[in-house]
């Protein structure tokens, strides 16, 4: 199937545009964040303005959660919503939320694209 709520055509248009010259995976970002960010910057031929490890620490789930607990009431929808939006930041956590029906729907609508991008085994 080639649809998926508009997401699949949008991603395919982006991929076909030639602008998608760098693709990453959440697992890679989580495994070694600074190294993966440096790889992305290198592929895009962008020099970082500051040291990457500072950005990694500032934007980590733990740092963002702590900041949001203190300052979250000033954010859109408030602190509790923002804290819920942060979730856990755990690789593979989707398995705790997706049952067989959700997995089948993902396969139906997004399976080909996910395989093409290397997110699932072919």
C-alpha atoms as a PDB file:
ATOM      1  CA  UNK A   1       0.000   0.000   0.000  1.00  0.00           C
ATOM      2  CA  UNK A   2       1.359   3.444  -0.828  1.00  0.00           C
ATOM      3  CA  UNK A   3      -0.506   5.689   1.598  1.00  0.00           C
ATOM      4  CA  UNK A   4      -0.195   6.302   5.285  1.00  0.00           C
ATOM      5  CA  UNK A   5      -2.171   9.339   6.269  1.00  0.00           C
ATOM      6  CA  UNK A   6      -0.120  11.526   3.944  1.00  0.00           C
ATOM      7  CA  UNK A   7       3.176  10.723   5.664  1.00  0.00           C
ATOM      8  CA  UNK A   8       4.473   8.200   3.132  1.00  0.00           C
ATOM      9  CA  UNK A   9       3.859  10.440   0.065  1.00  0.00           C
ATOM     10  CA  UNK A  10       5.439  13.370   1.922  1.00  0.00           C
ATOM     11  CA  UNK A  11       8.546  11.356   2.817  1.00  0.00           C
ATOM     12  CA  UNK A  12       8.798   9.947  -0.704  1.00  0.00           C
ATOM     13  CA  UNK A  13       8.555  13.462  -2.189  1.00  0.00           C
ATOM     14  CA  UNK A  14      11.308  14.587   0.162  1.00  0.00           C
ATOM     15  CA  UNK A  15      13.482  11.581  -0.718  1.00  0.00           C
ATOM     16  CA  UNK A  16      12.912  12.086  -4.464  1.00  0.00           C
ATOM     17  CA  UNK A  17      13.741  15.809  -4.234  1.00  0.00           C
ATOM     18  CA  UNK A  18      17.427  15.107  -3.698  1.00  0.00           C
ATOM     19  CA  UNK A  19      17.359  17.090  -0.458  1.00  0.00           C
ATOM     20  CA  UNK A  20      17.421  13.932   1.653  1.00  0.00           C
ATOM     21  CA  UNK A  21      21.163  13.511   1.493  1.00  0.00           C
ATOM     22  CA  UNK A  22      21.448  12.403   5.080  1.00  0.00           C
ATOM     23  CA  UNK A  23      19.331   9.857   6.902  1.00  0.00           C
ATOM     24  CA  UNK A  24      19.739   8.786  10.506  1.00  0.00           C
ATOM     25  CA  UNK A  25      18.008   6.449  12.894  1.00  0.00           C
ATOM     26  CA  UNK A  26      16.880   7.025  16.453  1.00  0.00           C
ATOM     27  CA  UNK A  27      18.952   4.023  17.513  1.00  0.00           C
ATOM     28  CA  UNK A  28      22.120   5.595  16.077  1.00  0.00           C
ATOM     29  CA  UNK A  29      21.380   8.936  17.731  1.00  0.00           C
ATOM     30  CA  UNK A  30      20.748   7.207  21.025  1.00  0.00           C
ATOM     31  CA  UNK A  31      23.751   4.882  20.830  1.00  0.00           C
ATOM     32  CA  UNK A  32      26.400   7.572  20.333  1.00  0.00           C
ATOM     33  CA  UNK A  33      24.697  10.939  20.033  1.00  0.00           C
ATOM     34  CA  UNK A  34      27.742  13.163  19.577  1.00  0.00           C
ATOM     35  CA  UNK A  35      29.325  10.876  16.983  1.00  0.00           C
ATOM     36  CA  UNK A  36      26.079  10.594  14.995  1.00  0.00           C
ATOM     37  CA  UNK A  37      25.491  14.339  15.097  1.00  0.00           C
ATOM     38  CA  UNK A  38      29.037  14.916  13.865  1.00  0.00           C
ATOM     39  CA  UNK A  39      28.453  12.418  11.021  1.00  0.00           C
ATOM     40  CA  UNK A  40      25.272  14.268  10.036  1.00  0.00           C
ATOM     41  CA  UNK A  41      27.024  17.645  10.104  1.00  0.00           C
ATOM     42  CA  UNK A  42      29.897  16.230   8.042  1.00  0.00           C
ATOM     43  CA  UNK A  43      27.503  14.798   5.446  1.00  0.00           C
ATOM     44  CA  UNK A  44      25.700  18.131   5.221  1.00  0.00           C
ATOM     45  CA  UNK A  45      29.038  19.994   5.133  1.00  0.00           C
ATOM     46  CA  UNK A  46      28.091  22.094   8.157  1.00  0.00           C
ATOM     47  CA  UNK A  47      30.585  23.178  10.799  1.00  0.00           C
ATOM     48  CA  UNK A  48      29.163  23.153  14.331  1.00  0.00           C
ATOM     49  CA  UNK A  49      29.016  26.571  15.997  1.00  0.00           C
ATOM     50  CA  UNK A  50      29.666  25.110  19.432  1.00  0.00           C
ATOM     51  CA  UNK A  51      31.045  21.864  20.735  1.00  0.00           C
ATOM     52  CA  UNK A  52      28.586  19.054  20.079  1.00  0.00           C
ATOM     53  CA  UNK A  53      28.848  17.497  23.531  1.00  0.00           C
ATOM     54  CA  UNK A  54      27.393  20.691  25.091  1.00  0.00           C
ATOM     55  CA  UNK A  55      24.323  20.460  22.852  1.00  0.00           C
ATOM     56  CA  UNK A  56      23.991  16.740  23.541  1.00  0.00           C
ATOM     57  CA  UNK A  57      24.009  17.300  27.297  1.00  0.00           C
ATOM     58  CA  UNK A  58      21.657  20.303  27.136  1.00  0.00           C
ATOM     59  CA  UNK A  59      19.143  18.424  24.979  1.00  0.00           C
ATOM     60  CA  UNK A  60      19.324  15.049  26.714  1.00  0.00           C
ATOM     61  CA  UNK A  61      16.055  13.608  28.005  1.00  0.00           C
ATOM     62  CA  UNK A  62      17.230  14.026  31.602  1.00  0.00           C
ATOM     63  CA  UNK A  63      18.170  17.691  31.079  1.00  0.00           C
ATOM     64  CA  UNK A  64      15.000  18.530  29.137  1.00  0.00           C
ATOM     65  CA  UNK A  65      12.843  16.792  31.727  1.00  0.00           C
ATOM     66  CA  UNK A  66      14.501  18.654  34.615  1.00  0.00           C
ATOM     67  CA  UNK A  67      14.173  21.976  32.774  1.00  0.00           C
ATOM     68  CA  UNK A  68      10.544  21.296  31.892  1.00  0.00           C
ATOM     69  CA  UNK A  69       9.676  20.429  35.499  1.00  0.00           C
ATOM     70  CA  UNK A  70      10.859  23.911  36.503  1.00  0.00           C
ATOM     71  CA  UNK A  71       9.833  25.989  33.462  1.00  0.00           C
ATOM     72  CA  UNK A  72       7.139  23.880  31.793  1.00  0.00           C
ATOM     73  CA  UNK A  73       4.170  26.018  32.819  1.00  0.00           C
ATOM     74  CA  UNK A  74       5.350  28.693  30.372  1.00  0.00           C
ATOM     75  CA  UNK A  75       5.354  26.227  27.448  1.00  0.00           C
ATOM     76  CA  UNK A  76       2.471  25.465  25.086  1.00  0.00           C
ATOM     77  CA  UNK A  77      -0.150  23.288  26.778  1.00  0.00           C
ATOM     78  CA  UNK A  78       1.667  23.462  30.129  1.00  0.00           C
ATOM     79  CA  UNK A  79       4.163  21.436  32.077  1.00  0.00           C
ATOM     80  CA  UNK A  80       2.241  18.162  32.414  1.00  0.00           C
ATOM     81  CA  UNK A  81       1.567  17.926  28.685  1.00  0.00           C
ATOM     82  CA  UNK A  82       5.200  18.684  27.860  1.00  0.00           C
ATOM     83  CA  UNK A  83       6.466  16.111  30.363  1.00  0.00           C
ATOM     84  CA  UNK A  84       4.132  13.515  28.835  1.00  0.00           C
ATOM     85  CA  UNK A  85       5.365  14.446  25.373  1.00  0.00           C
ATOM     86  CA  UNK A  86       8.989  13.773  26.382  1.00  0.00           C
ATOM     87  CA  UNK A  87       8.124  10.151  27.028  1.00  0.00           C
ATOM     88  CA  UNK A  88      11.123   8.014  27.989  1.00  0.00           C
ATOM     89  CA  UNK A  89      13.739   8.277  25.288  1.00  0.00           C
ATOM     90  CA  UNK A  90      14.249   4.527  25.249  1.00  0.00           C
ATOM     91  CA  UNK A  91      15.144   2.638  22.088  1.00  0.00           C
ATOM     92  CA  UNK A  92      12.447   0.081  21.295  1.00  0.00           C
ATOM     93  CA  UNK A  93       9.905   1.472  23.776  1.00  0.00           C
ATOM     94  CA  UNK A  94       7.309   1.301  21.013  1.00  0.00           C
ATOM     95  CA  UNK A  95       7.123  -2.440  21.721  1.00  0.00           C
ATOM     96  CA  UNK A  96       5.532  -1.573  25.086  1.00  0.00           C
ATOM     97  CA  UNK A  97       2.772   0.378  23.348  1.00  0.00           C
ATOM     98  CA  UNK A  98       2.147  -1.439  20.062  1.00  0.00           C
ATOM     99  CA  UNK A  99       0.152  -4.631  20.000  1.00  0.00           C
ATOM    100  CA  UNK A 100      -0.320  -6.990  17.040  1.00  0.00           C
ATOM    101  CA  UNK A 101      -2.999  -4.753  15.490  1.00  0.00           C
ATOM    102  CA  UNK A 102      -0.811  -1.626  15.544  1.00  0.00           C
ATOM    103  CA  UNK A 103       2.157  -3.548  14.199  1.00  0.00           C
ATOM    104  CA  UNK A 104       0.034  -4.901  11.333  1.00  0.00           C
ATOM    105  CA  UNK A 105      -1.185  -1.390  10.509  1.00  0.00           C
ATOM    106  CA  UNK A 106       2.368  -0.042  10.503  1.00  0.00           C
ATOM    107  CA  UNK A 107       3.446  -2.851   8.209  1.00  0.00           C
ATOM    108  CA  UNK A 108       0.484  -2.214   5.914  1.00  0.00           C
ATOM    109  CA  UNK A 109       1.014   1.535   5.600  1.00  0.00           C
ATOM    110  CA  UNK A 110       4.705   2.095   6.299  1.00  0.00           C
ATOM    111  CA  UNK A 111       6.459  -1.269   5.863  1.00  0.00           C
ATOM    112  CA  UNK A 112       7.866  -0.689   2.367  1.00  0.00           C
ATOM    113  CA  UNK A 113       9.173   2.757   3.248  1.00  0.00           C
ATOM    114  CA  UNK A 114      10.647   1.601   6.545  1.00  0.00           C
ATOM    115  CA  UNK A 115      12.471  -1.239   4.791  1.00  0.00           C
ATOM    116  CA  UNK A 116      13.687   1.142   2.087  1.00  0.00           C
ATOM    117  CA  UNK A 117      15.142   3.431   4.761  1.00  0.00           C
ATOM    118  CA  UNK A 118      16.725   0.499   6.607  1.00  0.00           C
ATOM    119  CA  UNK A 119      14.498   0.640   9.671  1.00  0.00           C
ATOM    120  CA  UNK A 120      13.338  -2.974   9.497  1.00  0.00           C
ATOM    121  CA  UNK A 121      14.759  -6.129   8.011  1.00  0.00           C
ATOM    122  CA  UNK A 122      13.913  -6.739   4.377  1.00  0.00           C
END
